[in-house]
Amino acid sequence: MALLNSSCCSTPPPPSSLLPFRKFTSNSLLLRVSALRPLRRHSAQNRLSLRLKASIAVESPAISGSDRGGDSPKLLLEVKDLSAVIAESKQPILKGVNLTVCEGEIHAIMGKNGSGKSTFAKVLVGHPDYEVTGGSVVFKGENLLEMDPEERSVAGLFMSFQSPVEIPGVSNIDFLNMAYNARRRKLGLPELGPIEFYGYISPKLDIVNMKIEFLNRNVNEGFSGGERKRNEILQLAVLGADFAILDEIDSGLDVDALRDVAKAVNGLLTPKKSVLMITHYLRLLEFIKPTYIHVMEDGSIIRTGDISIAKVLEKEGYKAIAAA
């Protein structure tokens, strides 16, 4: 194993029905958040928005252009020496995380429970439960740490979650229409009305093998585990994010559902878009082939390499990495 050094047919509702959605804050896609500022005036709703606002990021040793082989691709995300603590207790969680992600790359992060993977992700999206104490994060040439969560979303950062949250009273099509228009405003493009958006989103249901009736159901309400994961990837397909963070999208999925989700992710990849996956299992990486795999331990990335790392972990566990 060669290791690299750290280096519906029903018509959508009228625009007025979208107004209640403006008081929600979304977690999976920071993009779904920009219209939700009014929520902050209400503490109970605020707690919901915090749960819905997290996003992911990861650490890995920096890799030079020569290590990547050939000409250096365009840098998308660069994390340097990122440290963070739990805001309330000041307990250190991240302890000098480094990661570089270029356009078109697929990165996977593996590690034991409690190693800091999800915390790193939440820090990248600006979750208020964590406080950055050192380091820097640059996304598409801009200081990510200075952006609000919703700004990170509209800038092209997306995160899917292990356990997507239900949003009673808000249909999928309303939710996605608002999120999509938030990013279009950021890009200086005209917003799409409900009818136009319906035409835009309908073909994308085929990507994730979802029926059109799902558009009129409330967000994740009554969804099975597989339906929730498919719904997350539908959101990714609609928003067209530049950098997608997928937190254990394979958890709770049977083989058929996993194949559908992986096929959808692969179908969304382009030379300009990148993915960061958090997973415990080799099976996901056999469907979505990673460019690099990183192993995280005690708040930092300790190994970076190729698919062979996951194969060793599958057979021998993390003790094999610790001993390497």
C-alpha atoms as a PDB file:
ATOM      1  CA  MET A   1       0.000   0.000   0.000  1.00  0.00           C
ATOM      2  CA  ALA A   2       1.565   3.236  -1.101  1.00  0.00           C
ATOM      3  CA  LEU A   3       0.845   6.053   1.319  1.00  0.00           C
ATOM      4  CA  LEU A   4       1.419   9.689   0.498  1.00  0.00           C
ATOM      5  CA  ASN A   5       3.020  11.751   3.188  1.00  0.00           C
ATOM      6  CA  SER A   6       0.776  14.271   4.844  1.00  0.00           C
ATOM      7  CA  SER A   7       0.942  16.292   2.362  1.00  0.00           C
ATOM      8  CA  CYS A   8     -47.215  15.345 -10.268  1.00  0.00           C
ATOM      9  CA  CYS A   9     -48.475  15.812 -11.737  1.00  0.00           C
ATOM     10  CA  SER A  10     -50.082  18.626  -9.849  1.00  0.00           C
ATOM     11  CA  THR A  11     -49.196  22.231 -10.507  1.00  0.00           C
ATOM     12  CA  PRO A  12     -46.899  23.859  -7.949  1.00  0.00           C
ATOM     13  CA  PRO A  13     -48.473  26.332  -5.538  1.00  0.00           C
ATOM     14  CA  PRO A  14     -48.347  30.061  -6.205  1.00  0.00           C
ATOM     15  CA  PRO A  15     -45.432  32.171  -4.997  1.00  0.00           C
ATOM     16  CA  SER A  16     -47.337  33.290  -1.894  1.00  0.00           C
ATOM     17  CA  SER A  17     -47.073  29.768  -0.516  1.00  0.00           C
ATOM     18  CA  LEU A  18     -43.316  30.146  -0.424  1.00  0.00           C
ATOM     19  CA  LEU A  19     -43.415  32.849   2.229  1.00  0.00           C
ATOM     20  CA  PRO A  20     -43.382  30.552   5.274  1.00  0.00           C
ATOM     21  CA  PHE A  21     -40.251  28.923   3.921  1.00  0.00           C
ATOM     22  CA  ARG A  22     -38.388  32.187   4.238  1.00  0.00           C
ATOM     23  CA  LYS A  23     -38.343  31.588   7.993  1.00  0.00           C
ATOM     24  CA  PHE A  24     -36.442  28.324   7.821  1.00  0.00           C
ATOM     25  CA  THR A  25     -32.739  27.737   7.760  1.00  0.00           C
ATOM     26  CA  SER A  26     -31.363  24.760   5.890  1.00  0.00           C
ATOM     27  CA  ASN A  27     -28.629  22.413   6.926  1.00  0.00           C
ATOM     28  CA  SER A  28     -27.863  20.154   4.014  1.00  0.00           C
ATOM     29  CA  LEU A  29     -27.291  22.929   1.612  1.00  0.00           C
ATOM     30  CA  LEU A  30     -26.033  26.092   2.921  1.00  0.00           C
ATOM     31  CA  LEU A  31     -27.603  27.316  -0.280  1.00  0.00           C
ATOM     32  CA  ARG A  32     -31.016  26.807   1.139  1.00  0.00           C
ATOM     33  CA  VAL A  33     -30.420  29.386   3.788  1.00  0.00           C
ATOM     34  CA  SER A  34     -30.001  32.863   2.381  1.00  0.00           C
ATOM     35  CA  ALA A  35     -33.661  33.854   2.635  1.00  0.00           C
ATOM     36  CA  LEU A  36     -33.929  32.737   6.229  1.00  0.00           C
ATOM     37  CA  ARG A  37     -32.487  35.646   8.195  1.00  0.00           C
ATOM     38  CA  PRO A  38     -35.824  36.658   9.809  1.00  0.00           C
ATOM     39  CA  LEU A  39     -35.752  33.408  11.753  1.00  0.00           C
ATOM     40  CA  ARG A  40     -33.046  34.679  14.043  1.00  0.00           C
ATOM     41  CA  ARG A  41     -35.515  36.867  15.904  1.00  0.00           C
ATOM     42  CA  HIS A  42     -37.176  33.805  17.405  1.00  0.00           C
ATOM     43  CA  SER A  43     -35.192  31.634  19.789  1.00  0.00           C
ATOM     44  CA  ALA A  44     -37.186  28.426  19.321  1.00  0.00           C
ATOM     45  CA  GLN A  45     -36.999  28.718  15.562  1.00  0.00           C
ATOM     46  CA  ASN A  46     -33.376  29.702  15.926  1.00  0.00           C
ATOM     47  CA  ARG A  47     -32.559  26.354  17.497  1.00  0.00           C
ATOM     48  CA  LEU A  48     -34.113  24.649  14.488  1.00  0.00           C
ATOM     49  CA  SER A  49     -32.076  26.767  12.116  1.00  0.00           C
ATOM     50  CA  LEU A  50     -28.855  25.810  13.877  1.00  0.00           C
ATOM     51  CA  ARG A  51     -29.637  22.145  13.445  1.00  0.00           C
ATOM     52  CA  LEU A  52     -30.358  22.775   9.792  1.00  0.00           C
ATOM     53  CA  LYS A  53     -27.336  24.865   9.069  1.00  0.00           C
ATOM     54  CA  ALA A  54     -24.371  22.541   9.449  1.00  0.00           C
ATOM     55  CA  SER A  55     -22.002  21.665   6.619  1.00  0.00           C
ATOM     56  CA  ILE A  56     -18.910  19.545   6.224  1.00  0.00           C
ATOM     57  CA  ALA A  57     -15.283  19.861   5.541  1.00  0.00           C
ATOM     58  CA  VAL A  58     -12.250  17.716   5.954  1.00  0.00           C
ATOM     59  CA  GLU A  59      -8.639  17.601   6.642  1.00  0.00           C
ATOM     60  CA  SER A  60      -5.836  16.041   4.788  1.00  0.00           C
ATOM     61  CA  PRO A  61      -2.165  16.649   4.400  1.00  0.00           C
ATOM     62  CA  ALA A  62      -1.374  19.118   1.681  1.00  0.00           C
ATOM     63  CA  ILE A  63      -0.441  17.561  -1.635  1.00  0.00           C
ATOM     64  CA  SER A  64       1.764  19.393  -4.078  1.00  0.00           C
ATOM     65  CA  GLY A  65       1.083  19.682  -7.775  1.00  0.00           C
ATOM     66  CA  SER A  66       3.862  17.235  -8.538  1.00  0.00           C
ATOM     67  CA  ASP A  67       2.412  14.721  -6.064  1.00  0.00           C
ATOM     68  CA  ARG A  68      -0.916  14.955  -7.877  1.00  0.00           C
ATOM     69  CA  GLY A  69       0.811  14.140 -11.101  1.00  0.00           C
ATOM     70  CA  GLY A  70       1.068  16.260 -14.238  1.00  0.00           C
ATOM     71  CA  ASP A  71      -0.145  19.825 -14.414  1.00  0.00           C
ATOM     72  CA  SER A  72      -1.680  21.236 -11.286  1.00  0.00           C
ATOM     73  CA  PRO A  73      -5.493  21.486 -11.512  1.00  0.00           C
ATOM     74  CA  LYS A  74      -7.248  24.595 -10.219  1.00  0.00           C
ATOM     75  CA  LEU A  75      -7.440  24.766  -6.440  1.00  0.00           C
ATOM     76  CA  LEU A  76     -10.975  24.755  -5.040  1.00  0.00           C
ATOM     77  CA  LEU A  77     -10.569  24.379  -1.257  1.00  0.00           C
ATOM     78  CA  GLU A  78      -7.482  24.846   0.870  1.00  0.00           C
ATOM     79  CA  VAL A  79      -7.464  24.207   4.609  1.00  0.00           C
ATOM     80  CA  LYS A  80      -4.309  25.058   6.545  1.00  0.00           C
ATOM     81  CA  ASP A  81      -3.600  24.180  10.180  1.00  0.00           C
ATOM     82  CA  LEU A  82      -7.262  24.484  11.132  1.00  0.00           C
ATOM     83  CA  SER A  83      -7.916  24.201  14.857  1.00  0.00           C
ATOM     84  CA  ALA A  84     -11.261  24.459  16.636  1.00  0.00           C
ATOM     85  CA  VAL A  85     -12.858  23.938  20.031  1.00  0.00           C
ATOM     86  CA  ILE A  86     -16.385  23.354  21.273  1.00  0.00           C
ATOM     87  CA  ALA A  87     -17.677  26.878  21.807  1.00  0.00           C
ATOM     88  CA  GLU A  88     -19.234  26.241  25.209  1.00  0.00           C
ATOM     89  CA  SER A  89     -16.656  24.001  26.895  1.00  0.00           C
ATOM     90  CA  LYS A  90     -13.559  25.093  24.935  1.00  0.00           C
ATOM     91  CA  GLN A  91     -12.633  21.444  24.498  1.00  0.00           C
ATOM     92  CA  PRO A  92     -10.197  21.097  21.565  1.00  0.00           C
ATOM     93  CA  ILE A  93     -11.525  18.958  18.708  1.00  0.00           C
ATOM     94  CA  LEU A  94      -9.604  19.928  15.590  1.00  0.00           C
ATOM     95  CA  LYS A  95      -5.857  20.061  16.030  1.00  0.00           C
ATOM     96  CA  GLY A  96      -4.228  21.363  12.887  1.00  0.00           C
ATOM     97  CA  VAL A  97      -6.191  20.053   9.915  1.00  0.00           C
ATOM     98  CA  ASN A  98      -4.719  20.426   6.436  1.00  0.00           C
ATOM     99  CA  LEU A  99      -6.519  19.620   3.198  1.00  0.00           C
ATOM    100  CA  THR A 100      -6.310  20.666  -0.412  1.00  0.00           C
ATOM    101  CA  VAL A 101      -9.063  19.847  -2.905  1.00  0.00           C
ATOM    102  CA  CYS A 102      -8.795  20.713  -6.586  1.00  0.00           C
ATOM    103  CA  GLU A 103     -11.525  20.881  -9.201  1.00  0.00           C
ATOM    104  CA  GLY A 104     -12.731  17.511 -10.417  1.00  0.00           C
ATOM    105  CA  GLU A 105     -11.373  15.543  -7.466  1.00  0.00           C
ATOM    106  CA  ILE A 106     -13.165  13.098  -5.183  1.00  0.00           C
ATOM    107  CA  HIS A 107     -11.831  12.917  -1.629  1.00  0.00           C
ATOM    108  CA  ALA A 108     -12.920  10.469   1.058  1.00  0.00           C
ATOM    109  CA  ILE A 109     -12.335  10.798   4.783  1.00  0.00           C
ATOM    110  CA  MET A 110     -12.322   7.773   7.008  1.00  0.00           C
ATOM    111  CA  GLY A 111     -11.682   7.448  10.728  1.00  0.00           C
ATOM    112  CA  LYS A 112     -12.998   6.100  13.972  1.00  0.00           C
ATOM    113  CA  ASN A 113     -16.039   7.627  15.625  1.00  0.00           C
ATOM    114  CA  GLY A 114     -14.956  10.723  17.519  1.00  0.00           C
ATOM    115  CA  SER A 115     -11.929  11.402  15.347  1.00  0.00           C
ATOM    116  CA  GLY A 116     -13.235  14.843  14.314  1.00  0.00           C
ATOM    117  CA  LYS A 117     -14.652  14.176  10.840  1.00  0.00           C
ATOM    118  CA  SER A 118     -18.107  15.680  11.348  1.00  0.00           C
ATOM    119  CA  THR A 119     -16.786  18.466  13.534  1.00  0.00           C
ATOM    120  CA  PHE A 120     -14.452  19.493  10.778  1.00  0.00           C
ATOM    121  CA  ALA A 121     -17.372  19.564   8.417  1.00  0.00           C
ATOM    122  CA  LYS A 122     -19.459  21.685  10.723  1.00  0.00           C
ATOM    123  CA  VAL A 123     -16.626  24.123  11.235  1.00  0.00           C
ATOM    124  CA  LEU A 124     -16.327  24.555   7.506  1.00  0.00           C
ATOM    125  CA  VAL A 125     -19.979  25.515   7.286  1.00  0.00           C
ATOM    126  CA  GLY A 126     -19.888  27.839  10.249  1.00  0.00           C
ATOM    127  CA  HIS A 127     -21.809  25.885  12.865  1.00  0.00           C
ATOM    128  CA  PRO A 128     -22.112  28.047  16.024  1.00  0.00           C
ATOM    129  CA  ASP A 129     -21.334  25.131  18.371  1.00  0.00           C
ATOM    130  CA  TYR A 130     -17.678  25.370  17.369  1.00  0.00           C
ATOM    131  CA  GLU A 131     -15.113  28.130  17.570  1.00  0.00           C
ATOM    132  CA  VAL A 132     -12.125  28.368  15.251  1.00  0.00           C
ATOM    133  CA  THR A 133      -8.937  28.980  17.208  1.00  0.00           C
ATOM    134  CA  GLY A 134      -6.357  28.859  14.437  1.00  0.00           C
ATOM    135  CA  GLY A 135      -5.619  28.236  10.807  1.00  0.00           C
ATOM    136  CA  SER A 136      -7.306  29.290   7.588  1.00  0.00           C
ATOM    137  CA  VAL A 137      -9.818  28.034   5.016  1.00  0.00           C
ATOM    138  CA  VAL A 138      -9.904  29.390   1.476  1.00  0.00           C
ATOM    139  CA  PHE A 139     -12.754  28.380  -0.859  1.00  0.00           C
ATOM    140  CA  LYS A 140     -12.635  29.500  -4.492  1.00  0.00           C
ATOM    141  CA  GLY A 141     -10.092  32.152  -3.528  1.00  0.00           C
ATOM    142  CA  GLU A 142     -12.160  33.631  -0.683  1.00  0.00           C
ATOM    143  CA  ASN A 143     -11.811  33.432   3.084  1.00  0.00           C
ATOM    144  CA  LEU A 144     -14.481  30.896   3.999  1.00  0.00           C
ATOM    145  CA  LEU A 145     -14.240  31.589   7.727  1.00  0.00           C
ATOM    146  CA  GLU A 146     -15.405  35.170   7.215  1.00  0.00           C
ATOM    147  CA  MET A 147     -18.616  34.076   5.470  1.00  0.00           C
ATOM    148  CA  ASP A 148     -21.971  33.411   7.104  1.00  0.00           C
ATOM    149  CA  PRO A 149     -23.283  29.867   6.569  1.00  0.00           C
ATOM    150  CA  GLU A 150     -25.763  31.025   3.956  1.00  0.00           C
ATOM    151  CA  GLU A 151     -23.022  32.890   2.117  1.00  0.00           C
ATOM    152  CA  ARG A 152     -20.978  29.712   1.975  1.00  0.00           C
ATOM    153  CA  SER A 153     -23.954  27.921   0.528  1.00  0.00           C
ATOM    154  CA  VAL A 154     -24.670  30.384  -2.248  1.00  0.00           C
ATOM    155  CA  ALA A 155     -20.954  30.449  -3.024  1.00  0.00           C
ATOM    156  CA  GLY A 156     -21.220  26.796  -4.065  1.00  0.00           C
ATOM    157  CA  LEU A 157     -20.768  24.686  -0.923  1.00  0.00           C
ATOM    158  CA  PHE A 158     -23.216  21.843  -0.272  1.00  0.00           C
ATOM    159  CA  MET A 159     -23.556  19.333   2.500  1.00  0.00           C
ATOM    160  CA  SER A 160     -25.742  16.282   2.861  1.00  0.00           C
ATOM    161  CA  PHE A 161     -26.374  14.765   6.250  1.00  0.00           C
ATOM    162  CA  GLN A 162     -26.418  11.397   7.918  1.00  0.00           C
ATOM    163  CA  SER A 163     -29.900  12.081   9.307  1.00  0.00           C
ATOM    164  CA  PRO A 164     -31.645  14.745   7.200  1.00  0.00           C
ATOM    165  CA  VAL A 165     -34.078  16.854   9.201  1.00  0.00           C
ATOM    166  CA  GLU A 166     -37.829  16.944   8.604  1.00  0.00           C
ATOM    167  CA  ILE A 167     -39.392  20.332   7.844  1.00  0.00           C
ATOM    168  CA  PRO A 168     -43.155  20.010   8.413  1.00  0.00           C
ATOM    169  CA  GLY A 169     -45.345  22.325   6.382  1.00  0.00           C
ATOM    170  CA  VAL A 170     -42.758  22.986   3.661  1.00  0.00           C
ATOM    171  CA  SER A 171     -42.965  20.986   0.464  1.00  0.00           C
ATOM    172  CA  ASN A 172     -39.897  19.787  -1.386  1.00  0.00           C
ATOM    173  CA  ILE A 173     -40.649  21.905  -4.421  1.00  0.00           C
ATOM    174  CA  ASP A 174     -41.112  25.101  -2.378  1.00  0.00           C
ATOM    175  CA  PHE A 175     -37.969  24.386  -0.396  1.00  0.00           C
ATOM    176  CA  LEU A 176     -35.838  23.757  -3.458  1.00  0.00           C
ATOM    177  CA  ASN A 177     -37.324  26.668  -5.397  1.00  0.00           C
ATOM    178  CA  MET A 178     -36.281  29.080  -2.668  1.00  0.00           C
ATOM    179  CA  ALA A 179     -32.818  27.543  -2.327  1.00  0.00           C
ATOM    180  CA  TYR A 180     -32.234  27.514  -6.061  1.00  0.00           C
ATOM    181  CA  ASN A 181     -33.289  31.133  -6.445  1.00  0.00           C
ATOM    182  CA  ALA A 182     -31.020  32.163  -3.591  1.00  0.00           C
ATOM    183  CA  ARG A 183     -28.040  30.927  -5.539  1.00  0.00           C
ATOM    184  CA  ARG A 184     -29.286  32.435  -8.807  1.00  0.00           C
ATOM    185  CA  ARG A 185     -29.427  35.818  -7.065  1.00  0.00           C
ATOM    186  CA  LYS A 186     -25.839  35.312  -5.943  1.00  0.00           C
ATOM    187  CA  LEU A 187     -24.833  34.603  -9.541  1.00  0.00           C
ATOM    188  CA  GLY A 188     -26.735  37.619 -10.845  1.00  0.00           C
ATOM    189  CA  LEU A 189     -29.314  35.487 -12.659  1.00  0.00           C
ATOM    190  CA  PRO A 190     -33.093  36.021 -12.757  1.00  0.00           C
ATOM    191  CA  GLU A 191     -35.147  33.934 -10.364  1.00  0.00           C
ATOM    192  CA  LEU A 192     -37.426  31.152 -11.600  1.00  0.00           C
ATOM    193  CA  GLY A 193     -41.116  31.209 -10.748  1.00  0.00           C
ATOM    194  CA  PRO A 194     -42.898  28.064  -9.542  1.00  0.00           C
ATOM    195  CA  ILE A 195     -43.969  26.933 -13.015  1.00  0.00           C
ATOM    196  CA  GLU A 196     -40.541  27.505 -14.540  1.00  0.00           C
ATOM    197  CA  PHE A 197     -38.864  25.774 -11.647  1.00  0.00           C
ATOM    198  CA  TYR A 198     -41.188  22.796 -11.943  1.00  0.00           C
ATOM    199  CA  GLY A 199     -39.999  22.346 -15.498  1.00  0.00           C
ATOM    200  CA  TYR A 200     -36.391  22.608 -14.382  1.00  0.00           C
ATOM    201  CA  ILE A 201     -36.576  20.113 -11.526  1.00  0.00           C
ATOM    202  CA  SER A 202     -38.815  17.406 -13.007  1.00  0.00           C
ATOM    203  CA  PRO A 203     -36.139  15.782 -15.228  1.00  0.00           C
ATOM    204  CA  LYS A 204     -33.706  15.650 -12.301  1.00  0.00           C
ATOM    205  CA  LEU A 205     -35.931  13.198 -10.458  1.00  0.00           C
ATOM    206  CA  ASP A 206     -34.749  10.519 -12.854  1.00  0.00           C
ATOM    207  CA  ILE A 207     -31.186  11.039 -11.660  1.00  0.00           C
ATOM    208  CA  VAL A 208     -32.056   9.784  -8.186  1.00  0.00           C
ATOM    209  CA  ASN A 209     -34.845   7.412  -9.184  1.00  0.00           C
ATOM    210  CA  MET A 210     -37.542   9.381  -7.347  1.00  0.00           C
ATOM    211  CA  LYS A 211     -41.200   9.693  -8.305  1.00  0.00           C
ATOM    212  CA  ILE A 212     -42.620  13.086  -9.123  1.00  0.00           C
ATOM    213  CA  GLU A 213     -45.015  12.882  -6.162  1.00  0.00           C
ATOM    214  CA  PHE A 214     -42.083  13.514  -3.868  1.00  0.00           C
ATOM    215  CA  LEU A 215     -42.060  17.135  -4.931  1.00  0.00           C
ATOM    216  CA  ASN A 216     -45.366  17.785  -3.175  1.00  0.00           C
ATOM    217  CA  ARG A 217     -44.450  15.999   0.051  1.00  0.00           C
ATOM    218  CA  ASN A 218     -43.093  17.935   3.002  1.00  0.00           C
ATOM    219  CA  VAL A 219     -39.315  17.900   3.250  1.00  0.00           C
ATOM    220  CA  ASN A 220     -38.259  14.462   4.545  1.00  0.00           C
ATOM    221  CA  GLU A 221     -41.517  14.048   6.479  1.00  0.00           C
ATOM    222  CA  GLY A 222     -42.425  10.357   6.549  1.00  0.00           C
ATOM    223  CA  PHE A 223     -39.511   9.499   4.262  1.00  0.00           C
ATOM    224  CA  SER A 224     -37.642   6.229   4.624  1.00  0.00           C
ATOM    225  CA  GLY A 225     -33.885   6.311   5.119  1.00  0.00           C
ATOM    226  CA  GLY A 226     -33.260   5.645   1.456  1.00  0.00           C
ATOM    227  CA  GLU A 227     -35.757   8.315   0.384  1.00  0.00           C
ATOM    228  CA  ARG A 228     -34.078  10.868   2.597  1.00  0.00           C
ATOM    229  CA  LYS A 229     -30.677  10.134   1.104  1.00  0.00           C
ATOM    230  CA  ARG A 230     -32.081  10.325  -2.413  1.00  0.00           C
ATOM    231  CA  ASN A 231     -33.714  13.620  -1.508  1.00  0.00           C
ATOM    232  CA  GLU A 232     -30.347  15.002  -0.385  1.00  0.00           C
ATOM    233  CA  ILE A 233     -28.785  14.110  -3.721  1.00  0.00           C
ATOM    234  CA  LEU A 234     -31.790  15.606  -5.538  1.00  0.00           C
ATOM    235  CA  GLN A 235     -31.022  18.842  -3.733  1.00  0.00           C
ATOM    236  CA  LEU A 236     -27.424  18.601  -4.882  1.00  0.00           C
ATOM    237  CA  ALA A 237     -28.570  18.004  -8.465  1.00  0.00           C
ATOM    238  CA  VAL A 238     -30.872  21.029  -8.351  1.00  0.00           C
ATOM    239  CA  LEU A 239     -28.393  23.413  -6.768  1.00  0.00           C
ATOM    240  CA  GLY A 240     -25.396  22.400  -8.828  1.00  0.00           C
ATOM    241  CA  ALA A 241     -22.891  23.056  -6.046  1.00  0.00           C
ATOM    242  CA  ASP A 242     -19.195  23.269  -6.846  1.00  0.00           C
ATOM    243  CA  PHE A 243     -18.128  21.363  -3.739  1.00  0.00           C
ATOM    244  CA  ALA A 244     -20.366  18.708  -2.210  1.00  0.00           C
ATOM    245  CA  ILE A 245     -19.734  17.244   1.220  1.00  0.00           C
ATOM    246  CA  LEU A 246     -21.498  13.921   1.704  1.00  0.00           C
ATOM    247  CA  ASP A 247     -21.615  12.750   5.306  1.00  0.00           C
ATOM    248  CA  GLU A 248     -22.143   8.987   5.372  1.00  0.00           C
ATOM    249  CA  ILE A 249     -24.641   8.899   2.528  1.00  0.00           C
ATOM    250  CA  ASP A 250     -24.199   5.126   2.567  1.00  0.00           C
ATOM    251  CA  SER A 251     -25.428   4.637   6.123  1.00  0.00           C
ATOM    252  CA  GLY A 252     -28.728   2.776   6.369  1.00  0.00           C
ATOM    253  CA  LEU A 253     -28.937   2.021   2.651  1.00  0.00           C
ATOM    254  CA  ASP A 254     -29.434  -1.372   1.099  1.00  0.00           C
ATOM    255  CA  VAL A 255     -27.369  -2.306  -1.949  1.00  0.00           C
ATOM    256  CA  ASP A 256     -29.956  -1.118  -4.480  1.00  0.00           C
ATOM    257  CA  ALA A 257     -30.455   2.246  -2.776  1.00  0.00           C
ATOM    258  CA  LEU A 258     -26.701   2.706  -2.430  1.00  0.00           C
ATOM    259  CA  ARG A 259     -26.249   1.970  -6.123  1.00  0.00           C
ATOM    260  CA  ASP A 260     -28.914   4.556  -7.020  1.00  0.00           C
ATOM    261  CA  VAL A 261     -27.359   7.224  -4.826  1.00  0.00           C
ATOM    262  CA  ALA A 262     -23.834   6.511  -6.053  1.00  0.00           C
ATOM    263  CA  LYS A 263     -24.981   6.550  -9.672  1.00  0.00           C
ATOM    264  CA  ALA A 264     -26.602   9.924  -9.104  1.00  0.00           C
ATOM    265  CA  VAL A 265     -23.464  11.371  -7.516  1.00  0.00           C
ATOM    266  CA  ASN A 266     -21.276  10.066 -10.325  1.00  0.00           C
ATOM    267  CA  GLY A 267     -23.668  11.539 -12.862  1.00  0.00           C
ATOM    268  CA  LEU A 268     -23.309  14.992 -11.314  1.00  0.00           C
ATOM    269  CA  LEU A 269     -19.518  15.043 -11.356  1.00  0.00           C
ATOM    270  CA  THR A 270     -17.779  17.312 -13.850  1.00  0.00           C
ATOM    271  CA  PRO A 271     -14.158  18.449 -14.312  1.00  0.00           C
ATOM    272  CA  LYS A 272     -15.093  21.571 -12.336  1.00  0.00           C
ATOM    273  CA  LYS A 273     -16.984  20.007  -9.436  1.00  0.00           C
ATOM    274  CA  SER A 274     -15.529  18.157  -6.464  1.00  0.00           C
ATOM    275  CA  VAL A 275     -16.817  15.867  -3.745  1.00  0.00           C
ATOM    276  CA  LEU A 276     -15.748  15.138  -0.199  1.00  0.00           C
ATOM    277  CA  MET A 277     -17.217  11.958   1.288  1.00  0.00           C
ATOM    278  CA  ILE A 278     -17.171  10.824   4.908  1.00  0.00           C
ATOM    279  CA  THR A 279     -17.591   7.088   5.248  1.00  0.00           C
ATOM    280  CA  HIS A 280     -16.641   4.054   7.287  1.00  0.00           C
ATOM    281  CA  TYR A 281     -17.000   1.494   4.546  1.00  0.00           C
ATOM    282  CA  LEU A 282     -15.195   0.348   1.437  1.00  0.00           C
ATOM    283  CA  ARG A 283     -18.460  -0.424  -0.363  1.00  0.00           C
ATOM    284  CA  LEU A 284     -19.237   3.235  -1.037  1.00  0.00           C
ATOM    285  CA  LEU A 285     -15.772   3.794  -2.440  1.00  0.00           C
ATOM    286  CA  GLU A 286     -16.269   0.916  -4.845  1.00  0.00           C
ATOM    287  CA  PHE A 287     -19.227   2.795  -6.366  1.00  0.00           C
ATOM    288  CA  ILE A 288     -17.777   6.323  -6.194  1.00  0.00           C
ATOM    289  CA  LYS A 289     -14.074   6.061  -6.959  1.00  0.00           C
ATOM    290  CA  PRO A 290     -12.016   8.461  -4.810  1.00  0.00           C
ATOM    291  CA  THR A 291      -9.014  10.388  -6.028  1.00  0.00           C
ATOM    292  CA  TYR A 292      -7.614  10.416  -2.502  1.00  0.00           C
ATOM    293  CA  ILE A 293      -8.483   8.804   0.809  1.00  0.00           C
ATOM    294  CA  HIS A 294      -7.600  10.478   4.100  1.00  0.00           C
ATOM    295  CA  VAL A 295      -7.553   8.877   7.524  1.00  0.00           C
ATOM    296  CA  MET A 296      -8.442  11.157  10.414  1.00  0.00           C
ATOM    297  CA  GLU A 297      -7.452  10.556  14.018  1.00  0.00           C
ATOM    298  CA  ASP A 298      -7.621  12.780  17.101  1.00  0.00           C
ATOM    299  CA  GLY A 299      -8.531  15.900  15.171  1.00  0.00           C
ATOM    300  CA  SER A 300      -6.039  15.702  12.338  1.00  0.00           C
ATOM    301  CA  ILE A 301      -5.340  13.738   9.192  1.00  0.00           C
ATOM    302  CA  ILE A 302      -2.632  11.174   9.713  1.00  0.00           C
ATOM    303  CA  ARG A 303      -2.544   9.388   6.346  1.00  0.00           C
ATOM    304  CA  THR A 304      -3.376  10.165   2.749  1.00  0.00           C
ATOM    305  CA  GLY A 305      -3.325   7.693  -0.109  1.00  0.00           C
ATOM    306  CA  ASP A 306      -5.435   5.797  -2.608  1.00  0.00           C
ATOM    307  CA  ILE A 307      -8.141   3.113  -2.450  1.00  0.00           C
ATOM    308  CA  SER A 308      -5.634   0.677  -0.969  1.00  0.00           C
ATOM    309  CA  ILE A 309      -5.997   2.435   2.385  1.00  0.00           C
ATOM    310  CA  ALA A 310      -9.699   1.565   2.515  1.00  0.00           C
ATOM    311  CA  LYS A 311      -8.950  -2.017   1.578  1.00  0.00           C
ATOM    312  CA  VAL A 312      -6.475  -2.355   4.424  1.00  0.00           C
ATOM    313  CA  LEU A 313      -8.942  -0.822   6.871  1.00  0.00           C
ATOM    314  CA  GLU A 314     -11.644  -3.227   5.708  1.00  0.00           C
ATOM    315  CA  LYS A 315      -9.434  -6.212   6.436  1.00  0.00           C
ATOM    316  CA  GLU A 316      -7.325  -5.140   9.402  1.00  0.00           C
ATOM    317  CA  GLY A 317      -8.953  -2.122  11.025  1.00  0.00           C
ATOM    318  CA  TYR A 318      -7.383   1.146  12.108  1.00  0.00           C
ATOM    319  CA  LYS A 319      -4.600  -0.550  14.025  1.00  0.00           C
ATOM    320  CA  ALA A 320      -2.969  -1.278  10.669  1.00  0.00           C
ATOM    321  CA  ILE A 321      -2.835   2.448   9.866  1.00  0.00           C
ATOM    322  CA  ALA A 322      -1.574   3.383  13.319  1.00  0.00           C
ATOM    323  CA  ALA A 323       1.228   0.868  12.965  1.00  0.00           C
ATOM    324  CA  ALA A 324       2.260   1.990   9.482  1.00  0.00           C
END
